[in-house]
C-alpha atoms as a PDB file:
ATOM      1  CA  MET A   1      -0.784  -9.948 -18.853  1.00  0.00           C
ATOM      2  CA  SER A   2      -4.352 -11.120 -18.336  1.00  0.00           C
ATOM      3  CA  SER A   3      -5.020  -9.423 -15.106  1.00  0.00           C
ATOM      4  CA  TYR A   4      -3.254  -7.351 -12.410  1.00  0.00           C
ATOM      5  CA  LYS A   5      -4.367 -10.007  -9.982  1.00  0.00           C
ATOM      6  CA  ASP A   6      -1.868 -12.380 -11.765  1.00  0.00           C
ATOM      7  CA  LEU A   7       1.171 -10.234 -10.823  1.00  0.00           C
ATOM      8  CA  ASP A   8       3.175 -11.319  -7.899  1.00  0.00           C
ATOM      9  CA  VAL A   9       3.879  -7.712  -6.789  1.00  0.00           C
ATOM     10  CA  TRP A  10       0.183  -7.080  -6.592  1.00  0.00           C
ATOM     11  CA  LYS A  11      -0.554 -10.286  -4.632  1.00  0.00           C
ATOM     12  CA  LYS A  12       2.087  -9.466  -2.150  1.00  0.00           C
ATOM     13  CA  SER A  13       1.200  -5.944  -1.821  1.00  0.00           C
ATOM     14  CA  PHE A  14      -2.515  -6.974  -1.160  1.00  0.00           C
ATOM     15  CA  GLU A  15      -1.479  -9.243   1.426  1.00  0.00           C
ATOM     16  CA  VAL A  16       0.802  -6.469   3.082  1.00  0.00           C
ATOM     17  CA  CYS A  17      -2.331  -4.384   3.177  1.00  0.00           C
ATOM     18  CA  ILE A  18      -4.365  -7.038   4.943  1.00  0.00           C
ATOM     19  CA  ASP A  19      -1.665  -7.368   7.521  1.00  0.00           C
ATOM     20  CA  ILE A  20      -1.326  -3.755   8.082  1.00  0.00           C
ATOM     21  CA  TYR A  21      -5.108  -3.604   8.633  1.00  0.00           C
ATOM     22  CA  GLN A  22      -4.826  -6.417  11.290  1.00  0.00           C
ATOM     23  CA  LEU A  23      -1.617  -4.787  12.969  1.00  0.00           C
ATOM     24  CA  THR A  24      -3.205  -1.435  13.289  1.00  0.00           C
ATOM     25  CA  GLN A  25      -6.276  -2.840  15.143  1.00  0.00           C
ATOM     26  CA  SER A  26      -4.196  -2.922  18.101  1.00  0.00           C
ATOM     27  CA  PHE A  27      -3.069   0.703  17.875  1.00  0.00           C
ATOM     28  CA  PRO A  28      -4.173   3.079  20.545  1.00  0.00           C
ATOM     29  CA  LYS A  29      -7.744   4.518  19.863  1.00  0.00           C
ATOM     30  CA  GLU A  30      -6.415   8.130  20.018  1.00  0.00           C
ATOM     31  CA  GLU A  31      -4.405   7.366  16.945  1.00  0.00           C
ATOM     32  CA  LEU A  32      -7.415   6.125  14.775  1.00  0.00           C
ATOM     33  CA  TYR A  33      -7.616   9.492  12.838  1.00  0.00           C
ATOM     34  CA  GLY A  34      -3.830   9.992  12.919  1.00  0.00           C
ATOM     35  CA  LEU A  35      -1.201   7.405  12.337  1.00  0.00           C
ATOM     36  CA  THR A  36      -3.658   4.519  12.002  1.00  0.00           C
ATOM     37  CA  SER A  37      -5.527   6.133   9.224  1.00  0.00           C
ATOM     38  CA  GLN A  38      -2.198   7.170   7.423  1.00  0.00           C
ATOM     39  CA  ILE A  39      -0.633   3.863   7.496  1.00  0.00           C
ATOM     40  CA  ARG A  40      -3.622   2.218   6.204  1.00  0.00           C
ATOM     41  CA  ARG A  41      -4.189   4.756   3.376  1.00  0.00           C
ATOM     42  CA  ALA A  42      -0.535   4.351   2.364  1.00  0.00           C
ATOM     43  CA  SER A  43      -0.720   0.592   2.214  1.00  0.00           C
ATOM     44  CA  VAL A  44      -3.935   0.632   0.390  1.00  0.00           C
ATOM     45  CA  SER A  45      -2.234   2.879  -2.276  1.00  0.00           C
ATOM     46  CA  ILE A  46       0.255   0.321  -3.127  1.00  0.00           C
ATOM     47  CA  PRO A  47      -1.854  -2.350  -4.616  1.00  0.00           C
ATOM     48  CA  SER A  48      -4.406   0.300  -5.866  1.00  0.00           C
ATOM     49  CA  ASN A  49      -1.815   2.038  -7.932  1.00  0.00           C
ATOM     50  CA  ILE A  50      -0.486  -1.351  -9.458  1.00  0.00           C
ATOM     51  CA  SER A  51      -4.100  -2.363 -10.497  1.00  0.00           C
ATOM     52  CA  GLU A  52      -4.982   1.042 -11.892  1.00  0.00           C
ATOM     53  CA  GLY A  53      -1.551   1.396 -13.679  1.00  0.00           C
ATOM     54  CA  SER A  54      -1.970  -2.092 -15.289  1.00  0.00           C
ATOM     55  CA  LYS A  55      -4.976  -0.814 -17.005  1.00  0.00           C
ATOM     56  CA  ARG A  56      -3.106   1.924 -18.795  1.00  0.00           C
ATOM     57  CA  GLY A  57      -0.285   2.131 -21.308  1.00  0.00           C
ATOM     58  CA  LYS A  58       3.263   0.820 -20.619  1.00  0.00           C
ATOM     59  CA  LYS A  59       4.584   4.170 -19.963  1.00  0.00           C
ATOM     60  CA  GLU A  60       1.791   5.127 -17.536  1.00  0.00           C
ATOM     61  CA  PHE A  61       1.996   1.820 -15.855  1.00  0.00           C
ATOM     62  CA  ILE A  62       5.612   2.437 -15.042  1.00  0.00           C
ATOM     63  CA  GLN A  63       4.698   5.900 -13.451  1.00  0.00           C
ATOM     64  CA  PHE A  64       2.026   4.067 -11.323  1.00  0.00           C
ATOM     65  CA  LEU A  65       4.451   1.546 -10.271  1.00  0.00           C
ATOM     66  CA  LYS A  66       6.853   4.218  -8.987  1.00  0.00           C
ATOM     67  CA  ILE A  67       4.042   5.791  -7.131  1.00  0.00           C
ATOM     68  CA  ALA A  68       3.254   2.331  -5.581  1.00  0.00           C
ATOM     69  CA  HIS A  69       6.982   2.148  -4.635  1.00  0.00           C
ATOM     70  CA  GLY A  70       6.819   5.644  -2.933  1.00  0.00           C
ATOM     71  CA  SER A  71       3.717   4.466  -1.092  1.00  0.00           C
ATOM     72  CA  GLY A  72       5.698   1.445   0.171  1.00  0.00           C
ATOM     73  CA  ALA A  73       8.490   3.870   1.414  1.00  0.00           C
ATOM     74  CA  GLU A  74       5.709   5.943   3.115  1.00  0.00           C
ATOM     75  CA  THR A  75       4.202   2.864   4.845  1.00  0.00           C
ATOM     76  CA  GLU A  76       7.662   1.521   5.860  1.00  0.00           C
ATOM     77  CA  THR A  77       8.492   4.981   7.481  1.00  0.00           C
ATOM     78  CA  GLN A  78       5.168   5.248   9.199  1.00  0.00           C
ATOM     79  CA  LEU A  79       5.497   1.834  10.690  1.00  0.00           C
ATOM     80  CA  MET A  80       9.026   2.723  11.918  1.00  0.00           C
ATOM     81  CA  LEU A  81       7.489   5.843  13.541  1.00  0.00           C
ATOM     82  CA  ALA A  82       4.735   3.679  15.252  1.00  0.00           C
ATOM     83  CA  TYR A  83       7.364   1.172  16.367  1.00  0.00           C
ATOM     84  CA  ARG A  84       9.385   3.791  18.160  1.00  0.00           C
END
């Protein structure tokens, strides 16, 4: 692997993160330090963990991918909450 930027999973998670930022701009201002911030941080964690893990050994990379996967589930749950 030459760069984490070549990984499809990183590319897709990066785009999701951009989409999350655009989506949350329309959230109520009173949620700026609550749900908006939490969703943004969780979504940023996904490509961040993939990129950081890619610079470590194989075993650690797998652990970082698991963390990224968990952040994806966290983001999904928060978006479901925001929707309702």
